[in-house]
Amino acid sequence: MSGTDGTKYDGFTEEERAAMKERAQELKAPARRGSRAPKADPETEVLAKIAEMPEADRVLAERIHAIVGEHAPGLTPKLWYGMPAYARNGKVVCFFQSAAKFKSRYATLGFNDPADLDEGEMWPTAFAVTGLGPAVERRIAELVEKAAG
């Protein structure tokens, strides 16, 4: 199938394919380290990935990481598709996606099924984040506290 500009479209963008490759590497990493090798520290891996981000995304990710740590200490940081994520019992509850990752105009704070955000018959599961003032930080804190259960 071809796009309107004559390029071939195979269903995934280059950025999506790169994210899938990163996820595959994340899943294979424990096996490659072997049973005798020291286990990687997920917190260190997440902080290293945040440090690699362009400044605008890095500032957001660092602050969100701190908010999650303070308001949902029961969630464990981990990498998920190459992005910072926070899990309960191994299942990702929430995650940060940098704008640069998929060449988007805004970063995203997203929530997966294990998040306890249910509110009626419909509720948001992803939020665009372009800045972090006091009101936004309070809202993020409320969301991650509720999501963590």
Protein backbone atom coordinates (compact mmCIF):
# COMPACT_ATOMS: atom_id res chain seq x y z
CA MET A 1 0.00 0.00 0.00
CA SER A 2 1.34 3.46 -0.86
CA GLY A 3 0.78 6.81 0.83
CA THR A 4 -0.44 9.90 -1.02
CA ASP A 5 3.17 11.08 -1.37
CA GLY A 6 4.22 7.82 -3.04
CA THR A 7 5.91 6.39 0.05
CA LYS A 8 5.23 2.84 1.11
CA TYR A 9 3.08 2.50 4.24
CA ASP A 10 3.49 -0.68 6.24
CA GLY A 11 1.36 0.22 9.26
CA PHE A 12 4.03 1.50 11.65
CA THR A 13 6.10 4.66 11.62
CA GLU A 14 9.86 4.54 12.01
CA GLU A 15 9.42 5.82 15.58
CA GLU A 16 6.87 3.12 16.41
CA ARG A 17 9.18 0.41 15.06
CA ALA A 18 12.04 1.83 17.15
CA ALA A 19 9.85 1.77 20.27
CA MET A 20 8.91 -1.87 19.61
CA LYS A 21 12.60 -2.77 19.24
CA GLU A 22 13.34 -1.03 22.54
CA ARG A 23 10.55 -3.00 24.22
CA ALA A 24 11.92 -6.27 22.84
CA GLN A 25 15.37 -5.37 24.22
CA GLU A 26 13.82 -4.55 27.61
CA LEU A 27 12.21 -8.00 27.70
CA LYS A 28 15.42 -9.78 26.64
CA ALA A 29 17.77 -7.88 28.99
CA PRO A 30 17.33 -10.12 32.07
CA ALA A 31 18.11 -13.26 30.05
CA ARG A 32 21.21 -11.68 28.49
CA ARG A 33 22.57 -10.71 31.91
CA GLY A 34 22.45 -14.33 33.04
CA SER A 35 21.44 -15.69 36.41
CA ARG A 36 24.72 -14.82 38.16
CA ALA A 37 24.98 -11.23 36.94
CA PRO A 38 23.76 -8.49 39.24
CA LYS A 39 20.22 -7.39 38.51
CA ALA A 40 19.89 -4.00 36.81
CA ASP A 41 18.42 -1.22 38.94
CA PRO A 42 15.19 -0.08 37.23
CA GLU A 43 15.37 3.35 38.91
CA THR A 44 18.84 3.92 37.47
CA GLU A 45 17.68 2.80 34.01
CA VAL A 46 14.69 5.16 34.11
CA LEU A 47 16.80 8.11 35.27
CA ALA A 48 19.37 7.39 32.54
CA LYS A 49 16.62 7.34 29.88
CA ILE A 50 15.21 10.62 31.22
CA ALA A 51 18.71 12.18 31.09
CA GLU A 52 18.90 11.33 27.35
CA MET A 53 15.74 13.30 26.53
CA PRO A 54 15.77 16.75 24.92
CA GLU A 55 15.60 19.48 27.57
CA ALA A 56 11.87 20.28 27.30
CA ASP A 57 10.90 16.61 27.72
CA ARG A 58 13.59 15.98 30.33
CA VAL A 59 12.30 18.77 32.60
CA LEU A 60 8.77 17.33 32.45
CA ALA A 61 9.91 13.72 32.91
CA GLU A 62 12.16 14.54 35.88
CA ARG A 63 9.36 16.35 37.69
CA ILE A 64 6.74 13.69 36.89
CA HIS A 65 9.19 11.03 38.11
CA ALA A 66 9.55 12.93 41.39
CA ILE A 67 5.78 13.38 41.75
CA VAL A 68 5.12 9.67 41.16
CA GLY A 69 7.82 8.74 43.67
CA GLU A 70 6.35 11.07 46.29
CA HIS A 71 2.64 10.41 45.77
CA ALA A 72 2.66 6.77 44.65
CA PRO A 73 5.67 5.18 46.37
CA GLY A 74 4.17 1.72 45.86
CA LEU A 75 4.72 1.99 42.11
CA THR A 76 8.03 0.68 40.79
CA PRO A 77 9.85 2.62 38.04
CA LYS A 78 10.73 0.67 34.90
CA LEU A 79 11.36 1.22 31.22
CA TRP A 80 8.46 0.49 28.92
CA TYR A 81 8.90 0.95 25.17
CA GLY A 82 11.98 2.99 26.03
CA MET A 83 10.06 5.44 28.19
CA PRO A 84 9.71 5.91 31.96
CA ALA A 85 6.84 3.89 33.39
CA TYR A 86 5.59 2.99 36.85
CA ALA A 87 4.26 -0.46 37.66
CA ARG A 88 2.38 -2.32 40.38
CA ASN A 89 3.05 -6.07 40.57
CA GLY A 90 4.90 -5.89 37.25
CA LYS A 91 1.98 -4.26 35.37
CA VAL A 92 2.43 -0.72 34.07
CA VAL A 93 0.00 1.65 35.75
CA CYS A 94 1.22 4.94 34.27
CA PHE A 95 3.91 6.14 31.89
CA PHE A 96 5.51 9.25 30.47
CA GLN A 97 5.97 9.59 26.73
CA SER A 98 8.25 12.36 25.51
CA ALA A 99 7.15 14.57 22.66
CA ALA A 100 10.40 13.84 20.83
CA LYS A 101 9.81 10.06 20.95
CA PHE A 102 7.13 10.15 18.26
CA LYS A 103 7.74 13.68 16.95
CA SER A 104 4.57 14.85 18.68
CA ARG A 105 3.77 18.42 19.65
CA TYR A 106 3.33 17.48 23.31
CA ALA A 107 4.51 14.98 25.90
CA THR A 108 1.97 12.57 27.36
CA LEU A 109 1.20 11.18 30.79
CA GLY A 110 -0.75 7.99 30.19
CA PHE A 111 -2.51 5.40 32.32
CA ASN A 112 -3.12 1.71 31.58
CA ASP A 113 -5.86 -0.68 32.69
CA PRO A 114 -4.38 -1.38 36.16
CA ALA A 115 -4.84 2.31 37.04
CA ASP A 116 -7.82 2.84 39.31
CA LEU A 117 -9.10 5.89 37.45
CA ASP A 118 -12.55 4.52 36.65
CA GLU A 119 -15.15 7.26 36.83
CA GLY A 120 -18.59 6.42 35.47
CA GLU A 121 -18.81 5.07 31.96
CA MET A 122 -16.01 7.16 30.45
CA TRP A 123 -12.76 8.73 31.72
CA PRO A 124 -9.49 10.00 30.24
CA THR A 125 -6.47 7.71 30.20
CA ALA A 126 -3.90 10.05 28.62
CA PHE A 127 -3.06 13.68 29.22
CA ALA A 128 -1.05 16.08 27.07
CA VAL A 129 1.58 17.83 29.17
CA THR A 130 3.18 21.04 27.90
CA GLY A 131 4.21 22.60 31.21
CA LEU A 132 4.17 22.01 34.96
CA GLY A 133 2.77 24.79 37.10
CA PRO A 134 1.46 24.21 40.63
CA ALA A 135 -2.07 23.36 39.47
CA VAL A 136 -0.83 20.80 36.92
CA GLU A 137 1.51 19.23 39.47
CA ARG A 138 -1.38 18.91 41.95
CA ARG A 139 -3.54 17.28 39.26
CA ILE A 140 -0.77 14.81 38.37
CA ALA A 141 -0.30 13.99 42.06
CA GLU A 142 -4.06 13.34 42.42
CA LEU A 143 -4.11 11.14 39.32
CA VAL A 144 -1.12 9.00 40.29
CA GLU A 145 -2.38 8.59 43.85
CA LYS A 146 -5.75 7.41 42.54
CA ALA A 147 -4.14 5.25 39.86
CA ALA A 148 -1.86 3.57 42.38
CA GLY A 149 -4.89 2.57 44.43
